[in-house]
Amino acid sequence: MSHDPCSLLLVEDDPDHAELAQRALSNSGGAYDVEWVTCLADAVNRLRSARFDVLLLELDLPDSQGLDAVAILRRHQPDLPIVVLSSLISDVLATDLLKQGLQDYLIKDSMLTEPHGGEMLARAIRYAIHRQQASAEIQRLYRHSQRQRELLNQKNQRLGKLYSVAQRVVENVSHEFRTPLTVIKEYVSLFQDGLLGGVTPEQARYLDVVGDRTEDLSRMVEDMLDISKLDAGMLTVRRTECAVQDALRSILPGLTRKAALKGVSLQVHVDESLPSVFCDVDKFAHTISNLAVNAIKFCQDQGNVQIRAWLHEEASEVVIEVADDGAGIHDKDLARIFHRFTQVDAGASNRERGFGLGLSIARELVDLNLGQITVRSQLHEGSCFSFTLPVSNPRVVAERFLERLTRQSDRSAAVSLCMFRVEAAAAEALDDFESFLYYVLRPNDLALRVDRRTWMVIMAGDAEGFEKLRRRATKTLHETNRNRIGPPLPRFMTQLVGPWNLSEESGAIEKNIAMLLANKESVNT
């Protein structure tokens, strides 16, 4: 700690007061190097040529009065602590001076004539210097934080541009891959079907390998496109009633071929009495496919993969499991296997490794389908991935959707319930309108068909968000009908019910949903 005397500039036009001030400081026990000037002009000249630790100022000077003196002195040494020592008692003036950055405002009679005035004056000067140093440090840190924020914003903007460029590259490359991959698959299929002549058993085996690896590459391309669409908020979601068996039926042939090529036994156990589920069937099938392909990939020869589906009646959901008896996953890796571009050492050969997107996409697709995905695994014994889908019950589906909104949003966020009702039309036109409605909705909107001509939409947003949806639907309907071949889509009417905050949805929204569904007609009537 420095023991040098405090360098003090005293600006006082009254010699008696100046002498009293210096005497008070010398009696305070502190070390002060005091320089005395009698006017503002002399003070300015000294500030131009020397540095001081503190300035003790009388406001009523021959060449300046009041706030002007402080402003002038501040221009020459902005960080200099200034303490006013005045005979004038004015709370208003003191407040104005403190707003100007003054460190303290003292009354001469108290400081210069009372027995302990010198100690009080020394303490005030010491505190003024500390406060000014603290203020200067705060300002320095603030300027530093502002510079860091500017640099961070610049980096974020650059990263945003690079991400956009990378996303466009991924989309363009993925789209460009699709055509040659389709051609390869078609030609392989022609050879396999014998349409281009007979093939030997060995050639058939090689063709199976080519076809399988082409499917793997196609799957990786689709994964990259899906990730791009998810990030851009452009992945469309069409949740409808469907049967688990139907979703499996569309992907089982390809999974069976892949399992046979790897020497893995694939078994499917689905209870035929399972109720229908409510989901986007393509994303449901994509999820099972990703999980099953992973299971087959990490199984050893003669391994086993099982796809099971069963009803969890208490939770009103169907559970789908994909289990294998492969190498298993280490406990430390379980928490990160759903992260993008993450690959763990679970027994797959290097040639079988992909981009590490399959499980990440599976989790996102399950979330879009209002379910949850979990995994349990034991090293050297295998893994079991399971995910859930709500049964096709409007009340259950609405409850799951609101739970998802609550997880993703602030509980003070708004949620609205709106109705779409169309004019009388043929069944085909009504189905086409339903496809149109799913097209104009966002992934975070939910459509439930109440009767043949009425849909209930639960959406994140308030009345303004509903109005944007209505305008978007009206504009899109006009454009669709203008380019549509055949009968036009029917016109629609809308009605807004709500909005509410998510924190109060359990009462208001469910009550309205129950009331609307109480009069629900059969869709097929």
Protein backbone atom coordinates (compact mmCIF):
# COMPACT_ATOMS: atom_id res chain seq x y z
CA MET A 1 0.00 0.00 0.00
CA SER A 2 1.42 3.45 -0.97
CA HIS A 3 2.37 5.88 1.86
CA ASP A 4 2.93 8.87 -0.47
CA PRO A 5 1.09 12.04 0.63
CA CYS A 6 -2.28 12.69 -0.99
CA SER A 7 -1.90 15.30 -3.73
CA LEU A 8 -4.74 17.81 -3.23
CA LEU A 9 -5.67 20.92 -5.23
CA LEU A 10 -7.56 23.44 -3.07
CA VAL A 11 -9.63 26.00 -5.02
CA GLU A 12 -10.65 28.69 -2.53
CA ASP A 13 -10.71 32.50 -2.98
CA ASP A 14 -10.94 33.28 0.77
CA PRO A 15 -7.44 33.10 2.37
CA ASP A 16 -8.87 32.56 5.87
CA HIS A 17 -10.94 29.59 4.72
CA ALA A 18 -7.98 28.22 2.80
CA GLU A 19 -5.80 28.41 5.90
CA LEU A 20 -8.50 26.73 8.01
CA ALA A 21 -8.85 23.93 5.47
CA GLN A 22 -5.11 23.26 5.39
CA ARG A 23 -4.92 23.37 9.20
CA ALA A 24 -7.82 20.95 9.49
CA LEU A 25 -6.11 18.53 7.11
CA SER A 26 -2.75 18.79 8.96
CA ASN A 27 -4.54 18.03 12.25
CA SER A 28 -6.33 14.99 10.80
CA GLY A 29 -3.29 12.74 11.07
CA GLY A 30 -3.09 12.15 7.31
CA ALA A 31 -0.31 13.16 4.89
CA TYR A 32 -1.42 15.75 2.34
CA ASP A 33 0.49 17.68 -0.30
CA VAL A 34 -1.81 20.71 -0.71
CA GLU A 35 -1.60 23.21 -3.56
CA TRP A 36 -3.84 26.29 -3.21
CA VAL A 37 -5.28 28.45 -6.04
CA THR A 38 -7.85 31.23 -5.74
CA CYS A 39 -9.82 31.07 -9.02
CA LEU A 40 -11.13 28.67 -11.60
CA ALA A 41 -8.67 29.81 -14.28
CA ASP A 42 -5.66 28.98 -12.09
CA ALA A 43 -7.22 25.61 -11.25
CA VAL A 44 -7.62 24.80 -14.95
CA ASN A 45 -3.97 25.75 -15.63
CA ARG A 46 -2.76 23.46 -12.87
CA LEU A 47 -4.91 20.58 -14.09
CA ARG A 48 -3.37 20.97 -17.53
CA SER A 49 0.14 20.53 -16.17
CA ALA A 50 -0.19 18.26 -13.16
CA ARG A 51 -2.14 15.27 -11.82
CA PHE A 52 -3.91 15.42 -8.46
CA ASP A 53 -5.49 12.76 -6.27
CA VAL A 54 -8.43 14.95 -5.26
CA LEU A 55 -9.79 18.48 -5.75
CA LEU A 56 -11.36 20.48 -2.88
CA LEU A 57 -13.59 23.16 -4.43
CA GLU A 58 -15.39 26.31 -3.28
CA LEU A 59 -18.23 26.93 -5.75
CA ASP A 60 -18.49 30.70 -5.25
CA LEU A 61 -15.37 31.88 -7.14
CA PRO A 62 -14.54 35.24 -8.73
CA ASP A 63 -14.64 33.79 -12.28
CA SER A 64 -17.26 31.05 -11.87
CA GLN A 65 -20.22 30.00 -9.77
CA GLY A 66 -22.24 26.85 -9.19
CA LEU A 67 -22.38 23.88 -11.53
CA ASP A 68 -20.38 25.52 -14.32
CA ALA A 69 -17.12 25.21 -12.35
CA VAL A 70 -17.59 21.44 -11.92
CA ALA A 71 -18.33 20.93 -15.61
CA ILE A 72 -15.24 22.92 -16.68
CA LEU A 73 -12.91 21.08 -14.29
CA ARG A 74 -14.33 17.70 -15.34
CA ARG A 75 -13.35 18.36 -18.96
CA HIS A 76 -9.67 18.58 -18.01
CA GLN A 77 -9.45 15.59 -15.67
CA PRO A 78 -12.62 13.49 -16.06
CA ASP A 79 -11.62 10.92 -13.40
CA LEU A 80 -10.53 13.44 -10.74
CA PRO A 81 -12.53 13.12 -7.47
CA ILE A 82 -14.14 16.48 -6.62
CA VAL A 83 -15.36 17.43 -3.15
CA VAL A 84 -17.24 20.72 -2.72
CA LEU A 85 -16.56 22.66 0.50
CA SER A 86 -19.15 25.44 0.64
CA SER A 87 -20.84 27.84 3.06
CA LEU A 88 -24.12 27.44 1.15
CA ILE A 89 -26.55 24.88 2.54
CA SER A 90 -28.71 23.67 -0.36
CA ASP A 91 -30.08 20.16 -0.76
CA VAL A 92 -31.16 20.95 -4.33
CA LEU A 93 -27.68 22.15 -5.27
CA ALA A 94 -26.07 19.16 -3.57
CA THR A 95 -28.34 16.78 -5.52
CA ASP A 96 -27.55 18.51 -8.82
CA LEU A 97 -23.83 18.34 -8.12
CA LEU A 98 -23.94 14.65 -7.26
CA LYS A 99 -25.74 14.02 -10.57
CA GLN A 100 -22.79 15.77 -12.27
CA GLY A 101 -20.44 13.16 -10.80
CA LEU A 102 -19.38 15.09 -7.70
CA GLN A 103 -18.12 12.79 -4.96
CA ASP A 104 -19.27 14.77 -1.89
CA TYR A 105 -20.79 18.08 -0.73
CA LEU A 106 -19.54 19.41 2.65
CA ILE A 107 -20.48 22.45 4.76
CA LYS A 108 -17.54 24.64 5.81
CA ASP A 109 -18.78 25.41 9.31
CA SER A 110 -18.87 21.69 10.19
CA MET A 111 -15.56 20.79 8.56
CA LEU A 112 -13.36 23.79 9.46
CA THR A 113 -14.47 24.93 12.93
CA GLU A 114 -15.65 21.88 14.88
CA PRO A 115 -13.09 19.96 17.00
CA HIS A 116 -13.21 16.82 14.87
CA GLY A 117 -13.79 18.63 11.59
CA GLY A 118 -10.34 17.74 10.27
CA GLU A 119 -10.94 14.03 10.76
CA MET A 120 -14.34 14.32 9.09
CA LEU A 121 -12.82 16.21 6.16
CA ALA A 122 -10.00 13.66 5.79
CA ARG A 123 -12.51 10.81 5.90
CA ALA A 124 -14.67 12.51 3.26
CA ILE A 125 -11.63 12.98 0.99
CA ARG A 126 -10.55 9.36 1.48
CA TYR A 127 -14.03 8.06 0.68
CA ALA A 128 -14.28 10.38 -2.32
CA ILE A 129 -11.08 8.93 -3.77
CA HIS A 130 -12.30 5.36 -3.19
CA ARG A 131 -15.70 6.08 -4.72
CA GLN A 132 -14.12 7.69 -7.77
CA GLN A 133 -11.77 4.75 -8.20
CA ALA A 134 -14.68 2.33 -7.88
CA SER A 135 -16.71 4.37 -10.35
CA ALA A 136 -13.82 4.45 -12.80
CA GLU A 137 -13.38 0.67 -12.45
CA ILE A 138 -17.10 0.13 -13.04
CA GLN A 139 -16.94 2.30 -16.14
CA ARG A 140 -13.87 0.41 -17.35
CA LEU A 141 -15.57 -2.93 -16.82
CA TYR A 142 -18.72 -1.66 -18.51
CA ARG A 143 -16.77 -0.48 -21.56
CA HIS A 144 -14.93 -3.79 -21.61
CA SER A 145 -18.20 -5.73 -21.44
CA GLN A 146 -19.63 -3.58 -24.23
CA ARG A 147 -16.60 -4.32 -26.40
CA GLN A 148 -16.90 -8.02 -25.58
CA ARG A 149 -20.60 -7.92 -26.42
CA GLU A 150 -19.88 -6.25 -29.73
CA LEU A 151 -17.22 -8.86 -30.52
CA LEU A 152 -19.60 -11.64 -29.49
CA ASN A 153 -22.36 -10.20 -31.68
CA GLN A 154 -19.94 -10.01 -34.60
CA LYS A 155 -18.88 -13.63 -34.02
CA ASN A 156 -22.51 -14.72 -33.70
CA GLN A 157 -23.41 -12.96 -36.93
CA ARG A 158 -20.48 -14.61 -38.66
CA LEU A 159 -21.42 -18.01 -37.21
CA GLY A 160 -25.01 -17.42 -38.29
CA LYS A 161 -23.87 -16.71 -41.84
CA LEU A 162 -21.56 -19.73 -41.84
CA TYR A 163 -24.37 -21.90 -40.48
CA SER A 164 -26.74 -20.66 -43.18
CA VAL A 165 -24.12 -21.38 -45.85
CA ALA A 166 -23.46 -24.83 -44.38
CA GLN A 167 -27.18 -25.54 -44.22
CA ARG A 168 -27.63 -24.58 -47.88
CA VAL A 169 -24.64 -26.72 -48.85
CA VAL A 170 -26.09 -29.70 -46.96
CA GLU A 171 -29.49 -29.21 -48.59
CA ASN A 172 -28.02 -28.82 -52.09
CA VAL A 173 -25.66 -31.77 -51.72
CA SER A 174 -28.41 -33.94 -50.23
CA HIS A 175 -30.80 -33.11 -53.03
CA GLU A 176 -28.08 -33.74 -55.61
CA PHE A 177 -27.38 -37.16 -54.05
CA ARG A 178 -31.00 -38.23 -54.30
CA THR A 179 -31.12 -38.64 -58.09
CA PRO A 180 -28.00 -40.81 -58.56
CA LEU A 181 -28.97 -42.89 -55.51
CA THR A 182 -32.39 -43.50 -56.99
CA VAL A 183 -30.79 -44.57 -60.29
CA ILE A 184 -28.42 -46.96 -58.49
CA LYS A 185 -31.28 -48.53 -56.55
CA GLU A 186 -33.37 -48.95 -59.69
CA TYR A 187 -30.57 -50.64 -61.65
CA VAL A 188 -29.73 -52.91 -58.72
CA SER A 189 -33.39 -53.84 -58.52
CA LEU A 190 -33.45 -54.66 -62.25
CA PHE A 191 -30.51 -57.07 -61.82
CA GLN A 192 -31.99 -58.60 -58.67
CA ASP A 193 -35.35 -59.22 -60.38
CA GLY A 194 -33.61 -60.91 -63.32
CA LEU A 195 -34.95 -58.39 -65.83
CA LEU A 196 -31.46 -57.87 -67.29
CA GLY A 197 -30.52 -61.55 -67.36
CA GLY A 198 -29.62 -64.18 -64.82
CA VAL A 199 -27.07 -63.64 -62.06
CA THR A 200 -25.00 -66.14 -60.12
CA PRO A 201 -25.56 -66.65 -56.39
CA GLU A 202 -22.32 -64.78 -55.68
CA GLN A 203 -23.38 -61.88 -57.91
CA ALA A 204 -26.77 -61.83 -56.17
CA ARG A 205 -25.01 -61.56 -52.82
CA TYR A 206 -22.91 -58.66 -54.08
CA LEU A 207 -26.03 -56.95 -55.42
CA ASP A 208 -27.65 -57.33 -52.00
CA VAL A 209 -24.64 -55.61 -50.42
CA VAL A 210 -24.78 -52.78 -52.99
CA GLY A 211 -28.51 -52.36 -52.41
CA ASP A 212 -28.10 -52.37 -48.63
CA ARG A 213 -25.28 -49.80 -48.65
CA THR A 214 -27.26 -47.65 -51.08
CA GLU A 215 -30.18 -47.75 -48.63
CA ASP A 216 -27.81 -46.69 -45.85
CA LEU A 217 -26.60 -43.75 -47.91
CA SER A 218 -30.18 -42.80 -48.80
CA ARG A 219 -31.07 -42.90 -45.11
CA MET A 220 -28.15 -40.60 -44.25
CA VAL A 221 -29.22 -38.16 -46.97
CA GLU A 222 -32.77 -38.15 -45.60
CA ASP A 223 -31.42 -37.61 -42.09
CA MET A 224 -29.40 -34.59 -43.22
CA LEU A 225 -32.45 -33.13 -44.97
CA ASP A 226 -34.61 -33.73 -41.91
CA ILE A 227 -32.09 -32.02 -39.63
CA SER A 228 -32.01 -29.04 -41.98
CA LYS A 229 -35.82 -28.83 -42.03
CA LEU A 230 -36.05 -29.18 -38.25
CA ASP A 231 -33.61 -26.34 -37.69
CA ALA A 232 -35.42 -24.14 -40.20
CA GLY A 233 -38.84 -24.97 -38.69
CA MET A 234 -39.98 -26.25 -42.08
CA LEU A 235 -40.61 -29.90 -41.28
CA THR A 236 -44.33 -30.41 -41.83
CA VAL A 237 -46.25 -32.58 -39.37
CA ARG A 238 -49.48 -34.40 -40.17
CA ARG A 239 -50.75 -36.16 -37.07
CA THR A 240 -53.68 -38.48 -37.72
CA GLU A 241 -55.14 -41.71 -36.40
CA CYS A 242 -53.19 -44.76 -37.55
CA ALA A 243 -52.52 -48.39 -36.64
CA VAL A 244 -49.12 -49.50 -35.40
CA GLN A 245 -49.28 -52.53 -37.71
CA ASP A 246 -49.70 -50.29 -40.78
CA ALA A 247 -46.61 -48.25 -39.96
CA LEU A 248 -44.55 -51.40 -39.44
CA ARG A 249 -45.85 -53.03 -42.60
CA SER A 250 -44.31 -50.30 -44.78
CA ILE A 251 -40.76 -50.70 -43.44
CA LEU A 252 -40.48 -54.37 -42.47
CA PRO A 253 -39.40 -55.68 -45.92
CA GLY A 254 -36.36 -53.42 -46.00
CA LEU A 255 -35.45 -54.18 -42.36
CA THR A 256 -35.85 -57.90 -42.97
CA ARG A 257 -33.46 -57.79 -45.94
CA LYS A 258 -30.91 -55.80 -43.95
CA ALA A 259 -31.10 -58.21 -41.00
CA ALA A 260 -30.72 -61.24 -43.28
CA LEU A 261 -27.68 -59.72 -44.98
CA LYS A 262 -26.05 -59.15 -41.59
CA GLY A 263 -27.02 -62.60 -40.32
CA VAL A 264 -29.30 -61.16 -37.64
CA SER A 265 -32.67 -62.57 -36.60
CA LEU A 266 -35.44 -59.92 -36.71
CA GLN A 267 -38.63 -60.67 -34.80
CA VAL A 268 -41.77 -58.56 -34.50
CA HIS A 269 -44.28 -58.91 -31.68
CA VAL A 270 -47.30 -56.62 -31.98
CA ASP A 271 -50.59 -57.30 -30.27
CA GLU A 272 -53.28 -57.24 -32.94
CA SER A 273 -55.72 -55.75 -30.43
CA LEU A 274 -53.63 -52.59 -29.93
CA PRO A 275 -55.71 -49.42 -30.18
CA SER A 276 -54.95 -46.86 -32.86
CA VAL A 277 -52.41 -44.18 -32.08
CA PHE A 278 -52.39 -40.49 -33.03
CA CYS A 279 -49.21 -39.48 -34.83
CA ASP A 280 -47.54 -38.57 -38.09
CA VAL A 281 -47.26 -42.06 -39.54
CA ASP A 282 -44.23 -41.25 -41.74
CA LYS A 283 -42.29 -39.92 -38.76
CA PHE A 284 -43.43 -42.91 -36.70
CA ALA A 285 -42.07 -45.29 -39.38
CA HIS A 286 -38.89 -43.23 -39.70
CA THR A 287 -38.31 -43.52 -35.94
CA ILE A 288 -38.73 -47.31 -35.90
CA SER A 289 -36.52 -47.62 -38.98
CA ASN A 290 -33.69 -45.57 -37.42
CA LEU A 291 -33.82 -47.55 -34.17
CA ALA A 292 -34.04 -50.94 -35.91
CA VAL A 293 -31.21 -50.16 -38.33
CA ASN A 294 -29.06 -49.11 -35.37
CA ALA A 295 -29.92 -52.32 -33.53
CA ILE A 296 -29.06 -54.49 -36.56
CA LYS A 297 -25.85 -52.54 -37.10
CA PHE A 298 -24.59 -53.10 -33.55
CA CYS A 299 -25.58 -56.77 -33.36
CA GLN A 300 -23.00 -59.45 -33.96
CA ASP A 301 -23.56 -62.27 -36.46
CA GLN A 302 -26.36 -64.57 -35.32
CA GLY A 303 -27.62 -61.76 -33.10
CA ASN A 304 -31.25 -61.00 -32.37
CA VAL A 305 -33.35 -57.85 -32.77
CA GLN A 306 -36.92 -57.61 -31.53
CA ILE A 307 -39.57 -54.99 -32.28
CA ARG A 308 -42.34 -55.05 -29.69
CA ALA A 309 -45.45 -52.94 -29.16
CA TRP A 310 -47.77 -53.01 -26.18
CA LEU A 311 -50.44 -50.88 -24.52
CA HIS A 312 -49.66 -48.94 -21.37
CA GLU A 313 -53.30 -48.61 -20.38
CA GLU A 314 -52.82 -46.37 -17.33
CA ALA A 315 -50.84 -43.82 -19.34
CA SER A 316 -53.17 -44.06 -22.38
CA GLU A 317 -50.22 -44.69 -24.66
CA VAL A 318 -48.68 -47.39 -26.81
CA VAL A 319 -45.05 -48.30 -26.09
CA ILE A 320 -42.85 -49.41 -28.99
CA GLU A 321 -39.56 -51.13 -28.13
CA VAL A 322 -36.57 -52.03 -30.29
CA ALA A 323 -34.26 -54.40 -28.44
CA ASP A 324 -31.02 -56.14 -29.39
CA ASP A 325 -28.52 -58.49 -27.77
CA GLY A 326 -25.50 -56.62 -29.10
CA ALA A 327 -22.51 -55.06 -27.36
CA GLY A 328 -24.56 -52.64 -25.25
CA ILE A 329 -23.73 -49.05 -24.35
CA HIS A 330 -21.53 -47.84 -21.52
CA ASP A 331 -23.31 -45.87 -18.77
CA LYS A 332 -21.17 -42.78 -19.44
CA ASP A 333 -22.37 -42.71 -23.06
CA LEU A 334 -26.10 -43.07 -22.38
CA ALA A 335 -26.56 -39.36 -21.64
CA ARG A 336 -25.09 -38.23 -24.96
CA ILE A 337 -26.15 -40.80 -27.54
CA PHE A 338 -29.11 -38.64 -28.57
CA HIS A 339 -26.84 -35.66 -29.32
CA ARG A 340 -26.22 -34.81 -32.95
CA PHE A 341 -23.12 -36.18 -34.64
CA THR A 342 -22.36 -38.33 -31.60
CA GLN A 343 -21.06 -41.85 -32.11
CA VAL A 344 -20.11 -44.28 -29.37
CA ASP A 345 -18.06 -47.43 -29.52
CA ALA A 346 -20.74 -50.09 -29.41
CA GLY A 347 -19.30 -52.74 -31.70
CA ALA A 348 -20.10 -51.42 -35.19
CA SER A 349 -17.35 -51.53 -37.79
CA ASN A 350 -16.05 -48.30 -39.27
CA ARG A 351 -17.71 -49.00 -42.61
CA GLU A 352 -21.10 -49.21 -40.87
CA ARG A 353 -20.80 -45.91 -39.02
CA GLY A 354 -22.95 -43.04 -40.23
CA PHE A 355 -23.06 -39.37 -39.28
CA GLY A 356 -24.36 -39.97 -35.76
CA LEU A 357 -27.74 -38.45 -36.60
CA GLY A 358 -30.11 -41.43 -36.40
CA LEU A 359 -30.84 -41.30 -32.66
CA SER A 360 -30.93 -37.51 -32.57
CA ILE A 361 -33.55 -37.46 -35.32
CA ALA A 362 -35.47 -40.29 -33.64
CA ARG A 363 -35.74 -38.21 -30.46
CA GLU A 364 -36.93 -35.13 -32.38
CA LEU A 365 -39.50 -37.13 -34.34
CA VAL A 366 -40.83 -38.79 -31.20
CA ASP A 367 -41.22 -35.36 -29.62
CA LEU A 368 -43.13 -34.12 -32.67
CA ASN A 369 -45.38 -37.18 -32.27
CA LEU A 370 -46.11 -36.15 -28.64
CA GLY A 371 -44.17 -39.04 -27.13
CA GLN A 372 -40.97 -39.66 -25.20
CA ILE A 373 -37.98 -41.86 -25.93
CA THR A 374 -35.81 -43.70 -23.41
CA VAL A 375 -33.01 -46.25 -23.46
CA ARG A 376 -31.72 -48.90 -21.11
CA SER A 377 -28.58 -50.87 -21.82
CA GLN A 378 -26.07 -53.24 -20.27
CA LEU A 379 -22.60 -53.86 -21.61
CA HIS A 380 -22.20 -57.18 -23.48
CA GLU A 381 -25.92 -57.93 -23.12
CA GLY A 382 -27.61 -55.44 -25.42
CA SER A 383 -29.81 -52.35 -25.52
CA CYS A 384 -33.51 -51.55 -25.57
CA PHE A 385 -34.81 -48.28 -27.00
CA SER A 386 -38.47 -47.52 -26.31
CA PHE A 387 -40.73 -44.64 -27.26
CA THR A 388 -44.36 -43.80 -26.67
CA LEU A 389 -47.27 -42.58 -28.77
CA PRO A 390 -50.61 -41.35 -27.40
CA VAL A 391 -53.67 -43.43 -28.16
CA SER A 392 -56.08 -41.85 -30.62
CA ASN A 393 -58.26 -40.16 -28.04
CA PRO A 394 -58.76 -36.40 -28.56
CA ARG A 395 -58.64 -35.59 -24.86
CA VAL A 396 -55.43 -37.60 -24.38
CA VAL A 397 -53.84 -36.09 -27.47
CA ALA A 398 -54.77 -32.53 -26.41
CA GLU A 399 -53.32 -33.15 -22.96
CA ARG A 400 -50.02 -34.45 -24.41
CA PHE A 401 -49.81 -31.53 -26.80
CA LEU A 402 -50.32 -29.00 -23.99
CA GLU A 403 -47.65 -30.77 -21.93
CA ARG A 404 -45.25 -30.43 -24.86
CA LEU A 405 -46.02 -26.71 -25.23
CA THR A 406 -45.44 -26.22 -21.52
CA ARG A 407 -42.03 -27.93 -21.72
CA GLN A 408 -40.97 -25.80 -24.65
CA SER A 409 -42.42 -22.43 -23.57
CA ASP A 410 -42.66 -20.05 -20.67
CA ARG A 411 -45.75 -20.83 -18.62
CA SER A 412 -46.87 -17.24 -19.18
CA ALA A 413 -46.97 -17.89 -22.95
CA ALA A 414 -50.35 -17.80 -24.66
CA VAL A 415 -52.20 -20.76 -26.13
CA SER A 416 -55.33 -20.53 -28.27
CA LEU A 417 -58.10 -22.82 -29.38
CA CYS A 418 -59.60 -22.13 -32.82
CA MET A 419 -62.17 -23.85 -34.99
CA PHE A 420 -62.10 -24.41 -38.76
CA ARG A 421 -65.43 -25.35 -40.32
CA VAL A 422 -65.92 -25.86 -44.06
CA GLU A 423 -68.96 -25.76 -46.30
CA ALA A 424 -70.69 -28.98 -47.27
CA ALA A 425 -68.55 -30.92 -49.74
CA ALA A 426 -67.80 -34.41 -51.00
CA ALA A 427 -65.77 -36.73 -48.79
CA GLU A 428 -62.76 -36.49 -51.13
CA ALA A 429 -62.78 -32.69 -50.97
CA LEU A 430 -62.99 -32.83 -47.16
CA ASP A 431 -59.97 -35.15 -46.99
CA ASP A 432 -58.10 -32.83 -49.35
CA PHE A 433 -58.99 -29.88 -47.12
CA GLU A 434 -57.58 -31.76 -44.13
CA SER A 435 -54.29 -32.19 -46.04
CA PHE A 436 -54.39 -28.49 -46.88
CA LEU A 437 -54.95 -27.58 -43.21
CA TYR A 438 -51.97 -29.65 -42.10
CA TYR A 439 -49.89 -27.86 -44.73
CA VAL A 440 -50.66 -24.37 -43.41
CA LEU A 441 -50.23 -25.29 -39.74
CA ARG A 442 -46.86 -25.08 -38.00
CA PRO A 443 -45.18 -28.06 -36.28
CA ASN A 444 -46.22 -26.54 -32.95
CA ASP A 445 -49.92 -26.53 -33.90
CA LEU A 446 -52.27 -29.44 -33.36
CA ALA A 447 -55.36 -30.23 -35.47
CA LEU A 448 -58.09 -32.57 -34.23
CA ARG A 449 -61.05 -33.46 -36.39
CA VAL A 450 -64.26 -32.90 -34.43
CA ASP A 451 -66.74 -34.05 -37.10
CA ARG A 452 -66.88 -34.40 -40.90
CA ARG A 453 -66.58 -30.67 -41.56
CA THR A 454 -65.00 -29.27 -38.38
CA TRP A 455 -61.41 -29.23 -37.10
CA MET A 456 -60.23 -27.98 -33.75
CA VAL A 457 -56.75 -26.41 -33.74
CA ILE A 458 -54.69 -25.85 -30.58
CA MET A 459 -51.90 -23.40 -31.28
CA ALA A 460 -49.15 -21.62 -29.38
CA GLY A 461 -50.01 -17.92 -29.65
CA ASP A 462 -52.59 -15.27 -28.90
CA ALA A 463 -55.27 -13.55 -31.00
CA GLU A 464 -52.61 -11.96 -33.19
CA GLY A 465 -51.09 -15.39 -33.90
CA PHE A 466 -54.53 -16.75 -34.77
CA GLU A 467 -55.12 -13.86 -37.18
CA LYS A 468 -51.81 -14.61 -38.92
CA LEU A 469 -52.86 -18.26 -39.24
CA ARG A 470 -56.27 -17.26 -40.65
CA ARG A 471 -54.70 -14.91 -43.22
CA ARG A 472 -52.10 -17.52 -44.19
CA ALA A 473 -54.80 -20.15 -44.65
CA THR A 474 -57.01 -17.80 -46.69
CA LYS A 475 -54.16 -16.78 -49.00
CA THR A 476 -52.95 -20.37 -49.44
CA LEU A 477 -56.48 -21.61 -50.18
CA HIS A 478 -56.87 -18.99 -52.90
CA GLU A 479 -53.52 -19.92 -54.48
CA THR A 480 -54.28 -23.65 -54.22
CA ASN A 481 -57.69 -23.36 -55.89
CA ARG A 482 -56.25 -21.19 -58.65
CA ASN A 483 -53.79 -23.94 -59.61
CA ARG A 484 -55.88 -26.95 -58.61
CA ILE A 485 -57.12 -29.48 -61.18
CA GLY A 486 -60.64 -30.59 -60.37
CA PRO A 487 -63.21 -29.22 -57.92
CA PRO A 488 -61.92 -26.40 -55.68
CA LEU A 489 -61.31 -26.90 -52.00
CA PRO A 490 -64.28 -25.75 -49.90
CA ARG A 491 -64.22 -22.36 -48.23
CA PHE A 492 -63.91 -22.26 -44.47
CA MET A 493 -65.04 -20.23 -41.49
CA THR A 494 -62.94 -19.71 -38.35
CA GLN A 495 -63.69 -19.02 -34.72
CA LEU A 496 -61.23 -18.15 -31.95
CA VAL A 497 -61.81 -19.50 -28.44
CA GLY A 498 -59.33 -18.09 -25.90
CA PRO A 499 -56.49 -17.30 -25.67
CA TRP A 500 -55.21 -18.39 -22.25
CA ASN A 501 -51.86 -18.59 -20.52
CA LEU A 502 -50.29 -22.03 -20.37
CA SER A 503 -50.36 -21.76 -16.59
CA GLU A 504 -54.16 -21.82 -16.65
CA GLU A 505 -54.71 -24.21 -19.57
CA SER A 506 -55.62 -27.19 -17.41
CA GLY A 507 -58.94 -25.64 -16.56
CA ALA A 508 -60.01 -23.34 -19.37
CA ILE A 509 -58.78 -25.20 -22.44
CA GLU A 510 -59.70 -28.70 -21.30
CA LYS A 511 -63.17 -27.49 -20.36
CA ASN A 512 -63.69 -26.07 -23.86
CA ILE A 513 -62.22 -29.16 -25.52
CA ALA A 514 -64.50 -31.42 -23.50
CA MET A 515 -67.52 -29.31 -24.42
CA LEU A 516 -66.67 -29.42 -28.13
CA LEU A 517 -65.99 -33.15 -28.11
CA ALA A 518 -69.20 -33.92 -26.24
CA ASN A 519 -71.13 -33.16 -29.43
CA LYS A 520 -68.60 -34.92 -31.66
CA GLU A 521 -70.07 -36.74 -34.64
CA SER A 522 -68.44 -39.73 -36.22
CA VAL A 523 -66.02 -38.70 -38.96
CA ASN A 524 -67.44 -41.39 -41.22
CA THR A 525 -71.08 -40.27 -40.98
